[in-house]
Amino acid sequence: EMSLMKQGGQTQLHLMNLSGHSSTAYFTPLPMQNISIQIAGEYRNARLVDSGRKISMKREGGYTSFIIPQLGEYELVVLD
């Protein structure tokens, strides 16, 4: 599940791995890798908050695309 929001001068993309969610039960989610994202708008920087890593981006035709290398339970991408 993804949620995109603007806060101050930043855009935040929240990624939640719901693979461990089943009705009212919760299990350890399956790790997901190489998640390709494309967002409208041309951003200069993207940073993964959990790992503190900057990620490379491609800007083209009014869109920004990048790849999330790994998603455990949750990750926040800050774009500016």
PDB file of N, CA and C in Angstrom:
ATOM      1  N   GLU A   1       0.852  -1.162   0.000  1.00  0.00           N
ATOM      2  CA  GLU A   1       0.000   0.000   0.000  1.00  0.00           C
ATOM      3  C   GLU A   1       0.901   1.228   0.000  1.00  0.00           C
ATOM      4  N   MET A   2       0.522   2.234  -0.786  1.00  0.00           N
ATOM      5  CA  MET A   2       1.293   3.471  -0.869  1.00  0.00           C
ATOM      6  C   MET A   2       0.382   4.653  -0.575  1.00  0.00           C
ATOM      7  N   SER A   3       0.956   5.649   0.066  1.00  0.00           N
ATOM      8  CA  SER A   3       0.233   6.874   0.360  1.00  0.00           C
ATOM      9  C   SER A   3       1.171   8.044   0.080  1.00  0.00           C
ATOM     10  N   LEU A   4       0.728   8.970  -0.764  1.00  0.00           N
ATOM     11  CA  LEU A   4       1.538  10.127  -1.149  1.00  0.00           C
ATOM     12  C   LEU A   4       0.951  11.365  -0.490  1.00  0.00           C
ATOM     13  N   MET A   5       1.810  12.134   0.192  1.00  0.00           N
ATOM     14  CA  MET A   5       1.323  13.348   0.844  1.00  0.00           C
ATOM     15  C   MET A   5       2.368  14.449   0.772  1.00  0.00           C
ATOM     16  N   LYS A   6       1.907  15.673   0.853  1.00  0.00           N
ATOM     17  CA  LYS A   6       2.809  16.827   0.889  1.00  0.00           C
ATOM     18  C   LYS A   6       2.800  17.377   2.307  1.00  0.00           C
ATOM     19  N   GLN A   7       4.003  17.711   2.788  1.00  0.00           N
ATOM     20  CA  GLN A   7       4.136  18.278   4.119  1.00  0.00           C
ATOM     21  C   GLN A   7       5.262  19.301   4.072  1.00  0.00           C
ATOM     22  N   GLY A   8       4.923  20.569   4.287  1.00  0.00           N
ATOM     23  CA  GLY A   8       5.914  21.622   4.156  1.00  0.00           C
ATOM     24  C   GLY A   8       6.389  21.676   2.711  1.00  0.00           C
ATOM     25  N   GLY A   9       7.704  21.724   2.503  1.00  0.00           N
ATOM     26  CA  GLY A   9       8.266  21.741   1.157  1.00  0.00           C
ATOM     27  C   GLY A   9       8.618  20.360   0.637  1.00  0.00           C
ATOM     28  N   GLN A  10       8.184  19.325   1.347  1.00  0.00           N
ATOM     29  CA  GLN A  10       8.529  17.958   0.957  1.00  0.00           C
ATOM     30  C   GLN A  10       7.307  17.186   0.484  1.00  0.00           C
ATOM     31  N   THR A  11       7.573  16.213  -0.336  1.00  0.00           N
ATOM     32  CA  THR A  11       6.559  15.235  -0.691  1.00  0.00           C
ATOM     33  C   THR A  11       7.001  13.925  -0.060  1.00  0.00           C
ATOM     34  N   GLN A  12       6.081  13.248   0.592  1.00  0.00           N
ATOM     35  CA  GLN A  12       6.400  12.006   1.278  1.00  0.00           C
ATOM     36  C   GLN A  12       5.612  10.861   0.669  1.00  0.00           C
ATOM     37  N   LEU A  13       6.316   9.775   0.390  1.00  0.00           N
ATOM     38  CA  LEU A  13       5.684   8.559  -0.104  1.00  0.00           C
ATOM     39  C   LEU A  13       5.847   7.491   0.971  1.00  0.00           C
ATOM     40  N   HIS A  14       4.737   7.086   1.551  1.00  0.00           N
ATOM     41  CA  HIS A  14       4.735   6.040   2.577  1.00  0.00           C
ATOM     42  C   HIS A  14       4.425   4.717   1.897  1.00  0.00           C
ATOM     43  N   LEU A  15       5.272   3.706   2.124  1.00  0.00           N
ATOM     44  CA  LEU A  15       5.048   2.374   1.580  1.00  0.00           C
ATOM     45  C   LEU A  15       4.852   1.405   2.744  1.00  0.00           C
ATOM     46  N   MET A  16       3.740   0.696   2.740  1.00  0.00           N
ATOM     47  CA  MET A  16       3.433  -0.278   3.781  1.00  0.00           C
ATOM     48  C   MET A  16       3.311  -1.653   3.149  1.00  0.00           C
ATOM     49  N   ASN A  17       4.041  -2.597   3.674  1.00  0.00           N
ATOM     50  CA  ASN A  17       4.027  -3.963   3.168  1.00  0.00           C
ATOM     51  C   ASN A  17       2.942  -4.732   3.921  1.00  0.00           C
ATOM     52  N   LEU A  18       1.831  -4.951   3.277  1.00  0.00           N
ATOM     53  CA  LEU A  18       0.701  -5.626   3.915  1.00  0.00           C
ATOM     54  C   LEU A  18       0.667  -7.122   3.627  1.00  0.00           C
ATOM     55  N   SER A  19       1.759  -7.688   3.150  1.00  0.00           N
ATOM     56  CA  SER A  19       1.764  -9.124   2.838  1.00  0.00           C
ATOM     57  C   SER A  19       1.619  -9.983   4.090  1.00  0.00           C
ATOM     58  N   GLY A  20       1.889  -9.423   5.271  1.00  0.00           N
ATOM     59  CA  GLY A  20       1.734 -10.181   6.510  1.00  0.00           C
ATOM     60  C   GLY A  20       0.394  -9.962   7.181  1.00  0.00           C
ATOM     61  N   HIS A  21      -0.482  -9.185   6.543  1.00  0.00           N
ATOM     62  CA  HIS A  21      -1.778  -8.877   7.144  1.00  0.00           C
ATOM     63  C   HIS A  21      -2.834  -9.823   6.602  1.00  0.00           C
ATOM     64  N   SER A  22      -3.579 -10.444   7.492  1.00  0.00           N
ATOM     65  CA  SER A  22      -4.648 -11.353   7.085  1.00  0.00           C
ATOM     66  C   SER A  22      -5.811 -11.192   8.051  1.00  0.00           C
ATOM     67  N   SER A  23      -6.844 -10.495   7.614  1.00  0.00           N
ATOM     68  CA  SER A  23      -8.017 -10.235   8.439  1.00  0.00           C
ATOM     69  C   SER A  23      -7.593  -9.551   9.739  1.00  0.00           C
ATOM     70  N   THR A  24      -7.696 -10.210  10.880  1.00  0.00           N
ATOM     71  CA  THR A  24      -7.285  -9.599  12.143  1.00  0.00           C
ATOM     72  C   THR A  24      -5.929 -10.114  12.613  1.00  0.00           C
ATOM     73  N   ALA A  25      -5.315 -11.020  11.868  1.00  0.00           N
ATOM     74  CA  ALA A  25      -4.014 -11.587  12.239  1.00  0.00           C
ATOM     75  C   ALA A  25      -2.887 -10.810  11.567  1.00  0.00           C
ATOM     76  N   TYR A  26      -1.711 -10.861  12.171  1.00  0.00           N
ATOM     77  CA  TYR A  26      -0.540 -10.216  11.583  1.00  0.00           C
ATOM     78  C   TYR A  26       0.640 -11.161  11.676  1.00  0.00           C
ATOM     79  N   PHE A  27       1.324 -11.338  10.550  1.00  0.00           N
ATOM     80  CA  PHE A  27       2.513 -12.165  10.458  1.00  0.00           C
ATOM     81  C   PHE A  27       3.645 -11.309   9.912  1.00  0.00           C
ATOM     82  N   THR A  28       4.860 -11.771  10.027  1.00  0.00           N
ATOM     83  CA  THR A  28       6.000 -11.057   9.454  1.00  0.00           C
ATOM     84  C   THR A  28       5.791 -10.961   7.941  1.00  0.00           C
ATOM     85  N   PRO A  29       5.842  -9.745   7.383  1.00  0.00           N
ATOM     86  CA  PRO A  29       5.605  -9.606   5.941  1.00  0.00           C
ATOM     87  C   PRO A  29       6.757 -10.174   5.117  1.00  0.00           C
ATOM     88  N   LEU A  30       6.429 -10.578   3.912  1.00  0.00           N
ATOM     89  CA  LEU A  30       7.449 -11.048   2.980  1.00  0.00           C
ATOM     90  C   LEU A  30       8.239  -9.844   2.482  1.00  0.00           C
ATOM     91  N   PRO A  31       9.570  -9.924   2.481  1.00  0.00           N
ATOM     92  CA  PRO A  31      10.345  -8.794   1.953  1.00  0.00           C
ATOM     93  C   PRO A  31      10.092  -8.626   0.452  1.00  0.00           C
ATOM     94  N   MET A  32       9.930  -7.404   0.030  1.00  0.00           N
ATOM     95  CA  MET A  32       9.719  -7.101  -1.389  1.00  0.00           C
ATOM     96  C   MET A  32      10.927  -6.346  -1.900  1.00  0.00           C
ATOM     97  N   GLN A  33      11.300  -6.606  -3.143  1.00  0.00           N
ATOM     98  CA  GLN A  33      12.509  -6.004  -3.697  1.00  0.00           C
ATOM     99  C   GLN A  33      12.236  -5.348  -5.036  1.00  0.00           C
ATOM    100  N   ASN A  34      13.055  -4.339  -5.323  1.00  0.00           N
ATOM    101  CA  ASN A  34      13.057  -3.644  -6.610  1.00  0.00           C
ATOM    102  C   ASN A  34      11.663  -3.171  -7.027  1.00  0.00           C
ATOM    103  N   ILE A  35      11.060  -2.369  -6.173  1.00  0.00           N
ATOM    104  CA  ILE A  35       9.732  -1.827  -6.439  1.00  0.00           C
ATOM    105  C   ILE A  35       9.897  -0.567  -7.288  1.00  0.00           C
ATOM    106  N   SER A  36       9.355  -0.596  -8.481  1.00  0.00           N
ATOM    107  CA  SER A  36       9.467   0.518  -9.414  1.00  0.00           C
ATOM    108  C   SER A  36       8.335   1.517  -9.162  1.00  0.00           C
ATOM    109  N   ILE A  37       8.705   2.788  -8.976  1.00  0.00           N
ATOM    110  CA  ILE A  37       7.750   3.858  -8.672  1.00  0.00           C
ATOM    111  C   ILE A  37       7.875   4.953  -9.725  1.00  0.00           C
ATOM    112  N   GLN A  38       6.732   5.486 -10.155  1.00  0.00           N
ATOM    113  CA  GLN A  38       6.722   6.655 -11.035  1.00  0.00           C
ATOM    114  C   GLN A  38       5.697   7.640 -10.484  1.00  0.00           C
ATOM    115  N   ILE A  39       6.142   8.884 -10.253  1.00  0.00           N
ATOM    116  CA  ILE A  39       5.303   9.918  -9.639  1.00  0.00           C
ATOM    117  C   ILE A  39       5.269  11.135 -10.549  1.00  0.00           C
ATOM    118  N   ALA A  40       4.082  11.723 -10.687  1.00  0.00           N
ATOM    119  CA  ALA A  40       3.959  12.968 -11.450  1.00  0.00           C
ATOM    120  C   ALA A  40       4.719  14.071 -10.726  1.00  0.00           C
ATOM    121  N   GLY A  41       5.480  14.840 -11.472  1.00  0.00           N
ATOM    122  CA  GLY A  41       6.286  15.920 -10.909  1.00  0.00           C
ATOM    123  C   GLY A  41       7.760  15.605 -11.086  1.00  0.00           C
ATOM    124  N   GLU A  42       8.558  16.644 -11.124  1.00  0.00           N
ATOM    125  CA  GLU A  42       9.999  16.457 -11.293  1.00  0.00           C
ATOM    126  C   GLU A  42      10.708  16.856 -10.006  1.00  0.00           C
ATOM    127  N   TYR A  43      11.188  15.871  -9.289  1.00  0.00           N
ATOM    128  CA  TYR A  43      11.860  16.072  -8.012  1.00  0.00           C
ATOM    129  C   TYR A  43      13.372  15.996  -8.187  1.00  0.00           C
ATOM    130  N   ARG A  44      14.107  16.666  -7.290  1.00  0.00           N
ATOM    131  CA  ARG A  44      15.572  16.688  -7.364  1.00  0.00           C
ATOM    132  C   ARG A  44      16.224  15.609  -6.520  1.00  0.00           C
ATOM    133  N   ASN A  45      15.641  15.328  -5.343  1.00  0.00           N
ATOM    134  CA  ASN A  45      16.256  14.394  -4.408  1.00  0.00           C
ATOM    135  C   ASN A  45      15.218  13.426  -3.863  1.00  0.00           C
ATOM    136  N   ALA A  46      15.674  12.203  -3.574  1.00  0.00           N
ATOM    137  CA  ALA A  46      14.834  11.200  -2.905  1.00  0.00           C
ATOM    138  C   ALA A  46      15.694  10.504  -1.866  1.00  0.00           C
ATOM    139  N   ARG A  47      15.124  10.363  -0.678  1.00  0.00           N
ATOM    140  CA  ARG A  47      15.863   9.757   0.426  1.00  0.00           C
ATOM    141  C   ARG A  47      14.971   8.755   1.140  1.00  0.00           C
ATOM    142  N   LEU A  48      15.528   7.571   1.423  1.00  0.00           N
ATOM    143  CA  LEU A  48      14.833   6.559   2.209  1.00  0.00           C
ATOM    144  C   LEU A  48      15.096   6.862   3.681  1.00  0.00           C
ATOM    145  N   VAL A  49      14.069   7.119   4.447  1.00  0.00           N
ATOM    146  CA  VAL A  49      14.238   7.524   5.839  1.00  0.00           C
ATOM    147  C   VAL A  49      14.754   6.376   6.698  1.00  0.00           C
ATOM    148  N   ASP A  50      14.219   5.175   6.525  1.00  0.00           N
ATOM    149  CA  ASP A  50      14.613   4.045   7.368  1.00  0.00           C
ATOM    150  C   ASP A  50      16.106   3.745   7.264  1.00  0.00           C
ATOM    151  N   SER A  51      16.629   3.698   6.051  1.00  0.00           N
ATOM    152  CA  SER A  51      18.043   3.375   5.853  1.00  0.00           C
ATOM    153  C   SER A  51      18.924   4.617   5.733  1.00  0.00           C
ATOM    154  N   GLY A  52      18.311   5.793   5.507  1.00  0.00           N
ATOM    155  CA  GLY A  52      19.073   7.020   5.334  1.00  0.00           C
ATOM    156  C   GLY A  52      19.748   7.130   3.976  1.00  0.00           C
ATOM    157  N   ARG A  53      19.451   6.209   3.080  1.00  0.00           N
ATOM    158  CA  ARG A  53      20.081   6.203   1.753  1.00  0.00           C
ATOM    159  C   ARG A  53      19.398   7.159   0.792  1.00  0.00           C
ATOM    160  N   LYS A  54      20.213   7.799  -0.040  1.00  0.00           N
ATOM    161  CA  LYS A  54      19.663   8.545  -1.175  1.00  0.00           C
ATOM    162  C   LYS A  54      19.472   7.528  -2.299  1.00  0.00           C
ATOM    163  N   ILE A  55      18.448   7.731  -3.085  1.00  0.00           N
ATOM    164  CA  ILE A  55      18.230   6.830  -4.216  1.00  0.00           C
ATOM    165  C   ILE A  55      18.282   7.628  -5.512  1.00  0.00           C
ATOM    166  N   SER A  56      18.771   6.987  -6.546  1.00  0.00           N
ATOM    167  CA  SER A  56      18.877   7.674  -7.832  1.00  0.00           C
ATOM    168  C   SER A  56      17.502   7.730  -8.491  1.00  0.00           C
ATOM    169  N   MET A  57      17.306   8.805  -9.238  1.00  0.00           N
ATOM    170  CA  MET A  57      16.019   9.040  -9.876  1.00  0.00           C
ATOM    171  C   MET A  57      16.228   9.363 -11.346  1.00  0.00           C
ATOM    172  N   LYS A  58      15.157   9.198 -12.084  1.00  0.00           N
ATOM    173  CA  LYS A  58      15.140   9.568 -13.497  1.00  0.00           C
ATOM    174  C   LYS A  58      13.952  10.512 -13.683  1.00  0.00           C
ATOM    175  N   ARG A  59      14.200  11.689 -14.249  1.00  0.00           N
ATOM    176  CA  ARG A  59      13.147  12.666 -14.496  1.00  0.00           C
ATOM    177  C   ARG A  59      12.928  12.764 -16.004  1.00  0.00           C
ATOM    178  N   GLU A  60      11.676  12.621 -16.393  1.00  0.00           N
ATOM    179  CA  GLU A  60      11.383  12.668 -17.827  1.00  0.00           C
ATOM    180  C   GLU A  60       9.899  12.952 -18.046  1.00  0.00           C
ATOM    181  N   GLY A  61       9.620  13.920 -18.904  1.00  0.00           N
ATOM    182  CA  GLY A  61       8.247  14.206 -19.316  1.00  0.00           C
ATOM    183  C   GLY A  61       7.300  14.570 -18.183  1.00  0.00           C
ATOM    184  N   GLY A  62       7.811  15.266 -17.157  1.00  0.00           N
ATOM    185  CA  GLY A  62       6.950  15.670 -16.058  1.00  0.00           C
ATOM    186  C   GLY A  62       6.779  14.610 -14.974  1.00  0.00           C
ATOM    187  N   TYR A  63       7.534  13.516 -15.085  1.00  0.00           N
ATOM    188  CA  TYR A  63       7.453  12.438 -14.096  1.00  0.00           C
ATOM    189  C   TYR A  63       8.834  12.149 -13.516  1.00  0.00           C
ATOM    190  N   THR A  64       8.838  11.620 -12.303  1.00  0.00           N
ATOM    191  CA  THR A  64      10.063  11.156 -11.664  1.00  0.00           C
ATOM    192  C   THR A  64       9.886   9.672 -11.376  1.00  0.00           C
ATOM    193  N   SER A  65      10.883   8.883 -11.729  1.00  0.00           N
ATOM    194  CA  SER A  65      10.813   7.453 -11.451  1.00  0.00           C
ATOM    195  C   SER A  65      12.053   7.021 -10.676  1.00  0.00           C
ATOM    196  N   PHE A  66      11.879   6.010  -9.851  1.00  0.00           N
ATOM    197  CA  PHE A  66      12.972   5.466  -9.048  1.00  0.00           C
ATOM    198  C   PHE A  66      12.600   4.064  -8.595  1.00  0.00           C
ATOM    199  N   ILE A  67      13.557   3.371  -8.023  1.00  0.00           N
ATOM    200  CA  ILE A  67      13.346   1.999  -7.562  1.00  0.00           C
ATOM    201  C   ILE A  67      13.642   1.924  -6.070  1.00  0.00           C
ATOM    202  N   ILE A  68      12.718   1.336  -5.325  1.00  0.00           N
ATOM    203  CA  ILE A  68      12.929   1.052  -3.904  1.00  0.00           C
ATOM    204  C   ILE A  68      13.618  -0.312  -3.847  1.00  0.00           C
ATOM    205  N   PRO A  69      14.883  -0.365  -3.393  1.00  0.00           N
ATOM    206  CA  PRO A  69      15.621  -1.635  -3.439  1.00  0.00           C
ATOM    207  C   PRO A  69      15.005  -2.735  -2.584  1.00  0.00           C
ATOM    208  N   GLN A  70      14.506  -2.393  -1.387  1.00  0.00           N
ATOM    209  CA  GLN A  70      13.914  -3.416  -0.524  1.00  0.00           C
ATOM    210  C   GLN A  70      12.890  -2.778   0.402  1.00  0.00           C
ATOM    211  N   LEU A  71      11.791  -3.487   0.610  1.00  0.00           N
ATOM    212  CA  LEU A  71      10.745  -3.032   1.522  1.00  0.00           C
ATOM    213  C   LEU A  71      10.476  -4.144   2.521  1.00  0.00           C
ATOM    214  N   GLY A  72      10.714  -3.835   3.793  1.00  0.00           N
ATOM    215  CA  GLY A  72      10.358  -4.764   4.867  1.00  0.00           C
ATOM    216  C   GLY A  72       8.914  -4.497   5.256  1.00  0.00           C
ATOM    217  N   GLU A  73       8.701  -3.996   6.486  1.00  0.00           N
ATOM    218  CA  GLU A  73       7.349  -3.674   6.930  1.00  0.00           C
ATOM    219  C   GLU A  73       6.886  -2.311   6.420  1.00  0.00           C
ATOM    220  N   TYR A  74       7.815  -1.336   6.404  1.00  0.00           N
ATOM    221  CA  TYR A  74       7.427   0.042   6.106  1.00  0.00           C
ATOM    222  C   TYR A  74       8.648   0.818   5.630  1.00  0.00           C
ATOM    223  N   GLU A  75       8.429   1.764   4.750  1.00  0.00           N
ATOM    224  CA  GLU A  75       9.493   2.691   4.334  1.00  0.00           C
ATOM    225  C   GLU A  75       8.847   4.028   4.021  1.00  0.00           C
ATOM    226  N   LEU A  76       9.601   5.081   4.273  1.00  0.00           N
ATOM    227  CA  LEU A  76       9.174   6.440   3.937  1.00  0.00           C
ATOM    228  C   LEU A  76      10.209   7.015   2.987  1.00  0.00           C
ATOM    229  N   VAL A  77       9.732   7.505   1.836  1.00  0.00           N
ATOM    230  CA  VAL A  77      10.591   8.163   0.863  1.00  0.00           C
ATOM    231  C   VAL A  77      10.274   9.655   0.929  1.00  0.00           C
ATOM    232  N   VAL A  78      11.297  10.471   1.166  1.00  0.00           N
ATOM    233  CA  VAL A  78      11.118  11.925   1.193  1.00  0.00           C
ATOM    234  C   VAL A  78      11.657  12.472  -0.118  1.00  0.00           C
ATOM    235  N   LEU A  79      10.815  13.202  -0.822  1.00  0.00           N
ATOM    236  CA  LEU A  79      11.148  13.793  -2.121  1.00  0.00           C
ATOM    237  C   LEU A  79      11.130  15.311  -1.973  1.00  0.00           C
ATOM    238  N   ASP A  80      12.123  15.958  -2.585  1.00  0.00           N
ATOM    239  CA  ASP A  80      12.084  17.421  -2.644  1.00  0.00           C
ATOM    240  C   ASP A  80      12.724  17.900  -3.919  1.00  0.00           C
TER     241      ASP A  80
END
